[in-house]
C-alpha cells in the first residue's frame, strides 16, 4: 500500500510540476496582441528617429562637401603661386543660348583647370584632365557627396564632378570680364571661385554669371545646386574660405540661360552677381 501511495504521490507531483511549467511558459510567451503592441512601439520610435538620422547624414554630407571645396580651392591657390600669380585657365566650355531648348554646343577643348563633361564622362578626374590634380591626387574632391546623379547610360556610376569655376576666373576665349592674375583681384573675400552646380544643368566646368547691365542680367546662365539641407549650396572664395548659401527659391529642373522665376529668385541671382568681376569682386 505504501508503495502504491508513493507512486500516486509521485505521479501527482509530476503532473503538478508539468502543469506549473506549462503555465509559466504561457506567461513568459508574447500573446499576439502584446507582439503587435511592441511592433507598434518600434514603428513609432523609428518614425521619430529616422528624420533625425536623415538630417544627421545630410549635415555630414554638407561638411564633406565643404571640405572637398576647401581642398579644391587650396589646389587653385597653389597653382597660382607656382605660376607667378597666373590664375588657372578656365577655357573648356560649352556655349549656352539663353531661353533656348537646344543643348549646349561644344566650345574649345582647351587646357583648363578641368576638362570634363560631367553627365557623359565615365572616367575619374586625373592629371590628364585637370591642371590642379598634381596638387591633390584624390579625384573625390571634385564631387559633392550629396550629388547622387550618374553618368548617362551608367546608373551604377556616379559622375566625376559636381563643381564649376566662375567665369570671372581666366575665361580668356569667350569672356572680356575676367581676372587672369591674382594681383588683379582687389577683394578676394568677395570673389567666388568654385560653386556646387545643379545636377540637371551641369555640363562643362565653367559656371557662367551674366553681370549687371548685361541684356540677360535677369537670367541664370548656369544654375547653382540646392541639394543640401535647407535648400543650400557651397561655394569658395579667392581668399580660400568656403561658405554655405541658402537660396530663397529652389533651383532644380531648369535649363541653362533660364530667366529668373520670381522676385525671390532674382534676389538669389543678384546675390551671386555681387561676387563676380565688376561687382563685389572688383
C-alpha atoms as a PDB file:
ATOM      1  CA  UNK A   1       0.000   0.000   0.000  1.00  0.00           C
ATOM      2  CA  UNK A   2       2.771   2.426   0.850  1.00  0.00           C
ATOM      3  CA  UNK A   3       4.450   1.695  -2.459  1.00  0.00           C
ATOM      4  CA  UNK A   4       1.243   2.314  -4.380  1.00  0.00           C
ATOM      5  CA  UNK A   5       0.605   5.550  -2.457  1.00  0.00           C
ATOM      6  CA  UNK A   6       4.137   6.694  -3.175  1.00  0.00           C
ATOM      7  CA  UNK A   7       3.639   6.096  -6.854  1.00  0.00           C
ATOM      8  CA  UNK A   8       0.394   8.075  -6.783  1.00  0.00           C
ATOM      9  CA  UNK A   9       2.030  10.960  -4.943  1.00  0.00           C
ATOM     10  CA  UNK A  10       4.945  10.926  -7.359  1.00  0.00           C
ATOM     11  CA  UNK A  11       2.575  10.914 -10.313  1.00  0.00           C
ATOM     12  CA  UNK A  12       0.527  13.779  -8.876  1.00  0.00           C
ATOM     13  CA  UNK A  13       3.669  15.758  -8.106  1.00  0.00           C
ATOM     14  CA  UNK A  14       4.936  15.254 -11.625  1.00  0.00           C
ATOM     15  CA  UNK A  15       1.595  16.357 -13.078  1.00  0.00           C
ATOM     16  CA  UNK A  16       1.524  19.466 -10.901  1.00  0.00           C
ATOM     17  CA  UNK A  17       5.105  20.297 -11.857  1.00  0.00           C
ATOM     18  CA  UNK A  18       4.354  19.885 -15.569  1.00  0.00           C
ATOM     19  CA  UNK A  19       1.199  21.977 -15.238  1.00  0.00           C
ATOM     20  CA  UNK A  20       3.074  24.721 -13.395  1.00  0.00           C
ATOM     21  CA  UNK A  21       5.845  24.721 -16.049  1.00  0.00           C
ATOM     22  CA  UNK A  22       3.226  24.971 -18.804  1.00  0.00           C
ATOM     23  CA  UNK A  23       1.574  27.926 -17.070  1.00  0.00           C
ATOM     24  CA  UNK A  24       4.921  29.655 -16.551  1.00  0.00           C
ATOM     25  CA  UNK A  25       5.806  29.126 -20.245  1.00  0.00           C
ATOM     26  CA  UNK A  26       2.467  30.567 -21.229  1.00  0.00           C
ATOM     27  CA  UNK A  27       3.082  33.602 -19.050  1.00  0.00           C
ATOM     28  CA  UNK A  28       6.631  34.035 -20.494  1.00  0.00           C
ATOM     29  CA  UNK A  29       5.472  33.979 -24.135  1.00  0.00           C
ATOM     30  CA  UNK A  30       4.055  37.018 -26.001  1.00  0.00           C
ATOM     31  CA  UNK A  31       0.437  36.971 -26.975  1.00  0.00           C
ATOM     32  CA  UNK A  32      -0.407  38.209 -30.467  1.00  0.00           C
ATOM     33  CA  UNK A  33      -1.800  41.444 -29.031  1.00  0.00           C
ATOM     34  CA  UNK A  34       1.351  42.059 -26.996  1.00  0.00           C
ATOM     35  CA  UNK A  35       3.514  41.379 -30.055  1.00  0.00           C
ATOM     36  CA  UNK A  36       1.513  43.845 -32.138  1.00  0.00           C
ATOM     37  CA  UNK A  37       1.874  46.468 -29.393  1.00  0.00           C
ATOM     38  CA  UNK A  38       5.669  46.008 -29.362  1.00  0.00           C
ATOM     39  CA  UNK A  39       5.830  46.273 -33.162  1.00  0.00           C
ATOM     40  CA  UNK A  40       3.742  49.433 -32.999  1.00  0.00           C
ATOM     41  CA  UNK A  41       6.061  50.989 -30.418  1.00  0.00           C
ATOM     42  CA  UNK A  42       9.109  50.150 -32.569  1.00  0.00           C
ATOM     43  CA  UNK A  43       7.421  51.716 -35.609  1.00  0.00           C
ATOM     44  CA  UNK A  44       6.679  54.920 -33.668  1.00  0.00           C
ATOM     45  CA  UNK A  45      10.259  55.136 -32.410  1.00  0.00           C
ATOM     46  CA  UNK A  46      11.597  54.568 -35.928  1.00  0.00           C
ATOM     47  CA  UNK A  47       9.372  57.326 -37.311  1.00  0.00           C
ATOM     48  CA  UNK A  48      10.769  59.674 -34.672  1.00  0.00           C
ATOM     49  CA  UNK A  49      14.405  58.680 -35.124  1.00  0.00           C
ATOM     50  CA  UNK A  50      14.699  58.319 -38.908  1.00  0.00           C
ATOM     51  CA  UNK A  51      14.209  62.051 -39.717  1.00  0.00           C
ATOM     52  CA  UNK A  52      16.883  62.906 -37.166  1.00  0.00           C
ATOM     53  CA  UNK A  53      19.221  60.306 -38.649  1.00  0.00           C
ATOM     54  CA  UNK A  54      18.470  61.577 -42.145  1.00  0.00           C
ATOM     55  CA  UNK A  55      19.228  65.159 -41.122  1.00  0.00           C
ATOM     56  CA  UNK A  56      22.427  63.991 -39.472  1.00  0.00           C
ATOM     57  CA  UNK A  57      23.521  62.229 -42.665  1.00  0.00           C
ATOM     58  CA  UNK A  58      22.687  65.302 -44.766  1.00  0.00           C
ATOM     59  CA  UNK A  59      24.638  67.511 -42.381  1.00  0.00           C
ATOM     60  CA  UNK A  60      27.642  65.173 -42.595  1.00  0.00           C
ATOM     61  CA  UNK A  61      27.477  65.299 -46.407  1.00  0.00           C
ATOM     62  CA  UNK A  62      27.410  69.106 -46.309  1.00  0.00           C
ATOM     63  CA  UNK A  63      30.506  69.105 -44.106  1.00  0.00           C
ATOM     64  CA  UNK A  64      32.243  66.731 -46.548  1.00  0.00           C
ATOM     65  CA  UNK A  65      31.247  68.961 -49.478  1.00  0.00           C
ATOM     66  CA  UNK A  66      32.743  71.983 -47.738  1.00  0.00           C
ATOM     67  CA  UNK A  67      35.930  70.002 -47.124  1.00  0.00           C
ATOM     68  CA  UNK A  68      36.143  68.945 -50.787  1.00  0.00           C
ATOM     69  CA  UNK A  69      35.708  72.511 -51.961  1.00  0.00           C
ATOM     70  CA  UNK A  70      38.246  73.800 -49.456  1.00  0.00           C
ATOM     71  CA  UNK A  71      40.812  71.323 -50.791  1.00  0.00           C
ATOM     72  CA  UNK A  72      40.000  72.258 -54.380  1.00  0.00           C
ATOM     73  CA  UNK A  73      40.387  75.945 -53.532  1.00  0.00           C
ATOM     74  CA  UNK A  74      43.758  75.204 -51.930  1.00  0.00           C
ATOM     75  CA  UNK A  75      44.851  73.498 -55.174  1.00  0.00           C
ATOM     76  CA  UNK A  76      43.737  76.632 -57.040  1.00  0.00           C
ATOM     77  CA  UNK A  77      45.886  78.809 -54.786  1.00  0.00           C
ATOM     78  CA  UNK A  78      48.931  76.523 -55.025  1.00  0.00           C
ATOM     79  CA  UNK A  79      48.693  76.504 -58.829  1.00  0.00           C
ATOM     80  CA  UNK A  80      48.527  80.308 -58.804  1.00  0.00           C
ATOM     81  CA  UNK A  81      51.572  80.617 -56.572  1.00  0.00           C
ATOM     82  CA  UNK A  82      53.551  78.155 -58.710  1.00  0.00           C
ATOM     83  CA  UNK A  83      52.729  80.090 -61.884  1.00  0.00           C
ATOM     84  CA  UNK A  84      53.819  83.597 -60.902  1.00  0.00           C
ATOM     85  CA  UNK A  85      50.335  84.674 -59.882  1.00  0.00           C
ATOM     86  CA  UNK A  86      48.590  83.472 -63.050  1.00  0.00           C
ATOM     87  CA  UNK A  87      45.160  82.029 -62.311  1.00  0.00           C
ATOM     88  CA  UNK A  88      44.227  78.531 -63.548  1.00  0.00           C
ATOM     89  CA  UNK A  89      42.757  78.725 -67.067  1.00  0.00           C
ATOM     90  CA  UNK A  90      39.033  78.068 -67.398  1.00  0.00           C
ATOM     91  CA  UNK A  91      38.551  77.614 -71.145  1.00  0.00           C
ATOM     92  CA  UNK A  92      36.957  74.198 -71.581  1.00  0.00           C
ATOM     93  CA  UNK A  93      33.426  75.435 -72.216  1.00  0.00           C
ATOM     94  CA  UNK A  94      30.139  74.663 -73.920  1.00  0.00           C
ATOM     95  CA  UNK A  95      28.170  77.515 -75.469  1.00  0.00           C
ATOM     96  CA  UNK A  96      24.738  78.163 -73.970  1.00  0.00           C
ATOM     97  CA  UNK A  97      21.924  80.130 -75.665  1.00  0.00           C
ATOM     98  CA  UNK A  98      19.553  81.710 -73.115  1.00  0.00           C
ATOM     99  CA  UNK A  99      15.850  80.750 -73.372  1.00  0.00           C
ATOM    100  CA  UNK A 100      16.679  78.015 -75.872  1.00  0.00           C
ATOM    101  CA  UNK A 101      15.755  74.337 -75.704  1.00  0.00           C
ATOM    102  CA  UNK A 102      18.819  73.486 -77.795  1.00  0.00           C
ATOM    103  CA  UNK A 103      21.526  71.589 -75.887  1.00  0.00           C
ATOM    104  CA  UNK A 104      24.811  73.358 -75.128  1.00  0.00           C
ATOM    105  CA  UNK A 105      27.173  73.392 -78.110  1.00  0.00           C
ATOM    106  CA  UNK A 106      30.844  72.405 -77.693  1.00  0.00           C
ATOM    107  CA  UNK A 107      33.376  75.200 -77.399  1.00  0.00           C
ATOM    108  CA  UNK A 108      37.145  74.830 -77.101  1.00  0.00           C
ATOM    109  CA  UNK A 109      38.659  71.559 -75.935  1.00  0.00           C
ATOM    110  CA  UNK A 110      41.439  73.608 -74.387  1.00  0.00           C
ATOM    111  CA  UNK A 111      43.814  73.208 -71.457  1.00  0.00           C
ATOM    112  CA  UNK A 112      41.903  74.053 -68.315  1.00  0.00           C
ATOM    113  CA  UNK A 113      41.559  73.580 -64.582  1.00  0.00           C
ATOM    114  CA  UNK A 114      39.340  70.664 -65.601  1.00  0.00           C
ATOM    115  CA  UNK A 115      38.319  69.109 -68.919  1.00  0.00           C
ATOM    116  CA  UNK A 116      35.185  67.125 -68.166  1.00  0.00           C
ATOM    117  CA  UNK A 117      31.610  66.983 -69.437  1.00  0.00           C
ATOM    118  CA  UNK A 118      30.096  65.737 -66.193  1.00  0.00           C
ATOM    119  CA  UNK A 119      26.967  63.928 -67.487  1.00  0.00           C
ATOM    120  CA  UNK A 120      28.808  61.791 -70.035  1.00  0.00           C
ATOM    121  CA  UNK A 121      32.393  61.366 -68.771  1.00  0.00           C
ATOM    122  CA  UNK A 122      32.861  57.903 -67.168  1.00  0.00           C
ATOM    123  CA  UNK A 123      36.492  58.449 -66.164  1.00  0.00           C
ATOM    124  CA  UNK A 124      37.786  59.784 -62.828  1.00  0.00           C
ATOM    125  CA  UNK A 125      39.449  63.194 -62.845  1.00  0.00           C
ATOM    126  CA  UNK A 126      43.194  62.764 -63.434  1.00  0.00           C
ATOM    127  CA  UNK A 127      46.360  64.662 -64.306  1.00  0.00           C
ATOM    128  CA  UNK A 128      45.341  64.366 -67.977  1.00  0.00           C
ATOM    129  CA  UNK A 129      42.058  66.193 -67.374  1.00  0.00           C
ATOM    130  CA  UNK A 130      42.886  68.702 -64.610  1.00  0.00           C
ATOM    131  CA  UNK A 131      45.743  71.153 -64.127  1.00  0.00           C
ATOM    132  CA  UNK A 132      45.009  71.071 -60.388  1.00  0.00           C
ATOM    133  CA  UNK A 133      45.317  67.309 -59.985  1.00  0.00           C
ATOM    134  CA  UNK A 134      49.035  67.323 -59.162  1.00  0.00           C
ATOM    135  CA  UNK A 135      48.308  69.363 -56.036  1.00  0.00           C
ATOM    136  CA  UNK A 136      45.828  66.820 -54.705  1.00  0.00           C
ATOM    137  CA  UNK A 137      45.572  63.446 -56.419  1.00  0.00           C
ATOM    138  CA  UNK A 138      42.261  62.479 -54.839  1.00  0.00           C
ATOM    139  CA  UNK A 139      39.601  62.626 -57.594  1.00  0.00           C
ATOM    140  CA  UNK A 140      36.855  62.556 -54.934  1.00  0.00           C
ATOM    141  CA  UNK A 141      37.370  66.252 -54.120  1.00  0.00           C
ATOM    142  CA  UNK A 142      35.760  67.186 -57.453  1.00  0.00           C
ATOM    143  CA  UNK A 143      32.492  65.546 -56.393  1.00  0.00           C
ATOM    144  CA  UNK A 144      29.857  66.600 -53.847  1.00  0.00           C
ATOM    145  CA  UNK A 145      28.871  63.699 -51.526  1.00  0.00           C
ATOM    146  CA  UNK A 146      25.223  64.783 -51.794  1.00  0.00           C
ATOM    147  CA  UNK A 147      25.299  64.570 -55.592  1.00  0.00           C
ATOM    148  CA  UNK A 148      23.689  61.243 -56.500  1.00  0.00           C
ATOM    149  CA  UNK A 149      23.494  61.923 -60.253  1.00  0.00           C
ATOM    150  CA  UNK A 150      25.036  59.274 -62.503  1.00  0.00           C
ATOM    151  CA  UNK A 151      26.778  59.155 -65.870  1.00  0.00           C
ATOM    152  CA  UNK A 152      24.363  58.922 -68.811  1.00  0.00           C
ATOM    153  CA  UNK A 153      23.719  55.261 -69.562  1.00  0.00           C
ATOM    154  CA  UNK A 154      25.580  54.172 -66.415  1.00  0.00           C
ATOM    155  CA  UNK A 155      23.169  54.174 -63.464  1.00  0.00           C
ATOM    156  CA  UNK A 156      25.844  52.351 -61.442  1.00  0.00           C
ATOM    157  CA  UNK A 157      28.453  55.119 -61.875  1.00  0.00           C
ATOM    158  CA  UNK A 158      28.404  58.454 -60.066  1.00  0.00           C
ATOM    159  CA  UNK A 159      29.578  61.473 -62.057  1.00  0.00           C
ATOM    160  CA  UNK A 160      33.163  62.579 -61.610  1.00  0.00           C
ATOM    161  CA  UNK A 161      32.400  66.251 -60.943  1.00  0.00           C
ATOM    162  CA  UNK A 162      29.814  68.397 -59.160  1.00  0.00           C
ATOM    163  CA  UNK A 163      31.629  71.757 -59.098  1.00  0.00           C
ATOM    164  CA  UNK A 164      32.256  74.557 -61.598  1.00  0.00           C
ATOM    165  CA  UNK A 165      34.628  77.520 -61.623  1.00  0.00           C
ATOM    166  CA  UNK A 166      33.335  81.074 -62.033  1.00  0.00           C
ATOM    167  CA  UNK A 167      33.630  82.674 -65.470  1.00  0.00           C
ATOM    168  CA  UNK A 168      35.311  85.587 -63.678  1.00  0.00           C
ATOM    169  CA  UNK A 169      38.424  83.388 -63.486  1.00  0.00           C
ATOM    170  CA  UNK A 170      40.651  83.413 -66.581  1.00  0.00           C
ATOM    171  CA  UNK A 171      37.977  82.609 -69.180  1.00  0.00           C
ATOM    172  CA  UNK A 172      40.118  84.155 -71.886  1.00  0.00           C
ATOM    173  CA  UNK A 173      38.500  82.759 -75.032  1.00  0.00           C
ATOM    174  CA  UNK A 174      34.857  83.741 -74.533  1.00  0.00           C
ATOM    175  CA  UNK A 175      34.688  86.479 -71.951  1.00  0.00           C
ATOM    176  CA  UNK A 176      36.079  90.000 -71.604  1.00  0.00           C
ATOM    177  CA  UNK A 177      35.230  90.308 -67.919  1.00  0.00           C
ATOM    178  CA  UNK A 178      37.669  88.059 -66.109  1.00  0.00           C
ATOM    179  CA  UNK A 179      40.748  88.073 -63.881  1.00  0.00           C
ATOM    180  CA  UNK A 180      43.921  86.454 -65.188  1.00  0.00           C
ATOM    181  CA  UNK A 181      46.315  87.426 -62.360  1.00  0.00           C
ATOM    182  CA  UNK A 182      45.938  87.106 -58.605  1.00  0.00           C
ATOM    183  CA  UNK A 183      47.150  90.676 -58.150  1.00  0.00           C
ATOM    184  CA  UNK A 184      44.163  91.946 -60.178  1.00  0.00           C
ATOM    185  CA  UNK A 185      41.734  90.706 -57.513  1.00  0.00           C
ATOM    186  CA  UNK A 186      41.199  93.589 -55.105  1.00  0.00           C
ATOM    187  CA  UNK A 187      38.517  91.964 -52.939  1.00  0.00           C
ATOM    188  CA  UNK A 188      39.378  88.242 -52.673  1.00  0.00           C
ATOM    189  CA  UNK A 189      36.879  87.716 -49.849  1.00  0.00           C
ATOM    190  CA  UNK A 190      34.063  88.774 -52.210  1.00  0.00           C
ATOM    191  CA  UNK A 191      35.026  86.920 -55.411  1.00  0.00           C
ATOM    192  CA  UNK A 192      33.575  83.417 -55.655  1.00  0.00           C
ATOM    193  CA  UNK A 193      35.690  80.774 -57.423  1.00  0.00           C
ATOM    194  CA  UNK A 194      34.107  77.295 -57.187  1.00  0.00           C
ATOM    195  CA  UNK A 195      30.420  76.554 -56.772  1.00  0.00           C
ATOM    196  CA  UNK A 196      28.259  73.478 -56.253  1.00  0.00           C
ATOM    197  CA  UNK A 197      26.338  73.197 -59.553  1.00  0.00           C
ATOM    198  CA  UNK A 198      22.845  71.837 -60.254  1.00  0.00           C
ATOM    199  CA  UNK A 199      22.970  68.214 -61.446  1.00  0.00           C
ATOM    200  CA  UNK A 200      20.258  68.766 -64.088  1.00  0.00           C
ATOM    201  CA  UNK A 201      22.204  71.581 -65.701  1.00  0.00           C
ATOM    202  CA  UNK A 202      25.918  70.904 -65.213  1.00  0.00           C
ATOM    203  CA  UNK A 203      27.921  70.213 -68.369  1.00  0.00           C
ATOM    204  CA  UNK A 204      31.317  71.894 -68.756  1.00  0.00           C
ATOM    205  CA  UNK A 205      33.460  73.013 -65.764  1.00  0.00           C
ATOM    206  CA  UNK A 206      32.681  76.747 -66.143  1.00  0.00           C
ATOM    207  CA  UNK A 207      29.947  78.495 -64.161  1.00  0.00           C
ATOM    208  CA  UNK A 208      28.636  81.481 -66.090  1.00  0.00           C
ATOM    209  CA  UNK A 209      27.052  84.518 -64.440  1.00  0.00           C
ATOM    210  CA  UNK A 210      25.693  87.410 -66.502  1.00  0.00           C
ATOM    211  CA  UNK A 211      26.841  90.694 -64.925  1.00  0.00           C
ATOM    212  CA  UNK A 212      24.550  93.549 -64.007  1.00  0.00           C
ATOM    213  CA  UNK A 213      23.940  95.755 -67.041  1.00  0.00           C
ATOM    214  CA  UNK A 214      24.009  92.807 -69.437  1.00  0.00           C
ATOM    215  CA  UNK A 215      20.946  92.246 -71.652  1.00  0.00           C
ATOM    216  CA  UNK A 216      20.453  88.915 -69.855  1.00  0.00           C
ATOM    217  CA  UNK A 217      21.106  90.254 -66.359  1.00  0.00           C
ATOM    218  CA  UNK A 218      17.870  88.659 -65.071  1.00  0.00           C
ATOM    219  CA  UNK A 219      18.787  85.209 -66.402  1.00  0.00           C
ATOM    220  CA  UNK A 220      20.704  82.382 -64.781  1.00  0.00           C
ATOM    221  CA  UNK A 221      23.444  81.465 -67.264  1.00  0.00           C
ATOM    222  CA  UNK A 222      24.269  78.406 -65.153  1.00  0.00           C
ATOM    223  CA  UNK A 223      22.237  77.045 -62.239  1.00  0.00           C
ATOM    224  CA  UNK A 224      23.632  76.554 -58.712  1.00  0.00           C
ATOM    225  CA  UNK A 225      22.796  73.436 -56.728  1.00  0.00           C
ATOM    226  CA  UNK A 226      20.319  73.380 -53.851  1.00  0.00           C
ATOM    227  CA  UNK A 227      20.801  69.771 -52.742  1.00  0.00           C
ATOM    228  CA  UNK A 228      21.991  70.416 -49.197  1.00  0.00           C
ATOM    229  CA  UNK A 229      19.870  70.941 -46.085  1.00  0.00           C
ATOM    230  CA  UNK A 230      17.539  73.938 -46.187  1.00  0.00           C
ATOM    231  CA  UNK A 231      17.886  74.397 -49.982  1.00  0.00           C
ATOM    232  CA  UNK A 232      21.522  75.496 -49.992  1.00  0.00           C
ATOM    233  CA  UNK A 233      24.810  75.115 -51.838  1.00  0.00           C
ATOM    234  CA  UNK A 234      28.501  75.579 -51.041  1.00  0.00           C
ATOM    235  CA  UNK A 235      30.964  77.891 -52.766  1.00  0.00           C
ATOM    236  CA  UNK A 236      34.565  79.030 -52.311  1.00  0.00           C
ATOM    237  CA  UNK A 237      36.158  82.466 -52.459  1.00  0.00           C
ATOM    238  CA  UNK A 238      39.514  83.701 -53.730  1.00  0.00           C
ATOM    239  CA  UNK A 239      40.902  84.211 -50.217  1.00  0.00           C
ATOM    240  CA  UNK A 240      40.389  80.493 -49.536  1.00  0.00           C
ATOM    241  CA  UNK A 241      37.273  80.436 -47.354  1.00  0.00           C
ATOM    242  CA  UNK A 242      34.101  78.427 -48.077  1.00  0.00           C
ATOM    243  CA  UNK A 243      30.510  79.484 -47.473  1.00  0.00           C
ATOM    244  CA  UNK A 244      27.140  77.720 -47.483  1.00  0.00           C
ATOM    245  CA  UNK A 245      24.384  79.807 -49.068  1.00  0.00           C
ATOM    246  CA  UNK A 246      20.706  79.160 -48.526  1.00  0.00           C
ATOM    247  CA  UNK A 247      18.595  80.066 -51.563  1.00  0.00           C
ATOM    248  CA  UNK A 248      15.183  81.674 -51.274  1.00  0.00           C
ATOM    249  CA  UNK A 249      13.872  79.596 -54.181  1.00  0.00           C
ATOM    250  CA  UNK A 250      14.578  76.031 -55.303  1.00  0.00           C
ATOM    251  CA  UNK A 251      16.877  75.901 -58.335  1.00  0.00           C
ATOM    252  CA  UNK A 252      16.416  72.396 -59.790  1.00  0.00           C
ATOM    253  CA  UNK A 253      14.874  71.399 -63.102  1.00  0.00           C
ATOM    254  CA  UNK A 254      15.867  74.418 -65.202  1.00  0.00           C
ATOM    255  CA  UNK A 255      17.664  74.883 -68.499  1.00  0.00           C
ATOM    256  CA  UNK A 256      20.888  76.908 -68.713  1.00  0.00           C
ATOM    257  CA  UNK A 257      20.126  80.509 -69.551  1.00  0.00           C
ATOM    258  CA  UNK A 258      16.724  80.370 -67.847  1.00  0.00           C
ATOM    259  CA  UNK A 259      15.018  83.588 -66.773  1.00  0.00           C
ATOM    260  CA  UNK A 260      14.518  84.034 -63.036  1.00  0.00           C
ATOM    261  CA  UNK A 261      11.083  82.781 -61.961  1.00  0.00           C
ATOM    262  CA  UNK A 262      10.223  85.193 -59.149  1.00  0.00           C
ATOM    263  CA  UNK A 263      11.408  88.222 -57.186  1.00  0.00           C
ATOM    264  CA  UNK A 264      12.989  85.906 -54.613  1.00  0.00           C
ATOM    265  CA  UNK A 265      14.785  84.012 -57.371  1.00  0.00           C
ATOM    266  CA  UNK A 266      16.050  87.330 -58.738  1.00  0.00           C
ATOM    267  CA  UNK A 267      17.337  88.196 -55.250  1.00  0.00           C
ATOM    268  CA  UNK A 268      19.301  84.938 -55.263  1.00  0.00           C
ATOM    269  CA  UNK A 269      20.809  85.820 -58.648  1.00  0.00           C
ATOM    270  CA  UNK A 270      21.668  89.362 -57.573  1.00  0.00           C
ATOM    271  CA  UNK A 271      23.472  87.960 -54.540  1.00  0.00           C
ATOM    272  CA  UNK A 272      25.723  85.867 -56.763  1.00  0.00           C
ATOM    273  CA  UNK A 273      26.210  88.722 -59.238  1.00  0.00           C
ATOM    274  CA  UNK A 274      27.756  90.719 -56.397  1.00  0.00           C
ATOM    275  CA  UNK A 275      30.559  88.139 -56.177  1.00  0.00           C
ATOM    276  CA  UNK A 276      31.931  88.329 -59.728  1.00  0.00           C
ATOM    277  CA  UNK A 277      34.367  90.645 -61.504  1.00  0.00           C
ATOM    278  CA  UNK A 278      32.986  94.129 -61.863  1.00  0.00           C
ATOM    279  CA  UNK A 279      30.917  93.922 -58.670  1.00  0.00           C
ATOM    280  CA  UNK A 280      31.970  92.888 -55.165  1.00  0.00           C
ATOM    281  CA  UNK A 281      34.941  91.012 -56.632  1.00  0.00           C
ATOM    282  CA  UNK A 282      36.129  94.339 -58.183  1.00  0.00           C
END
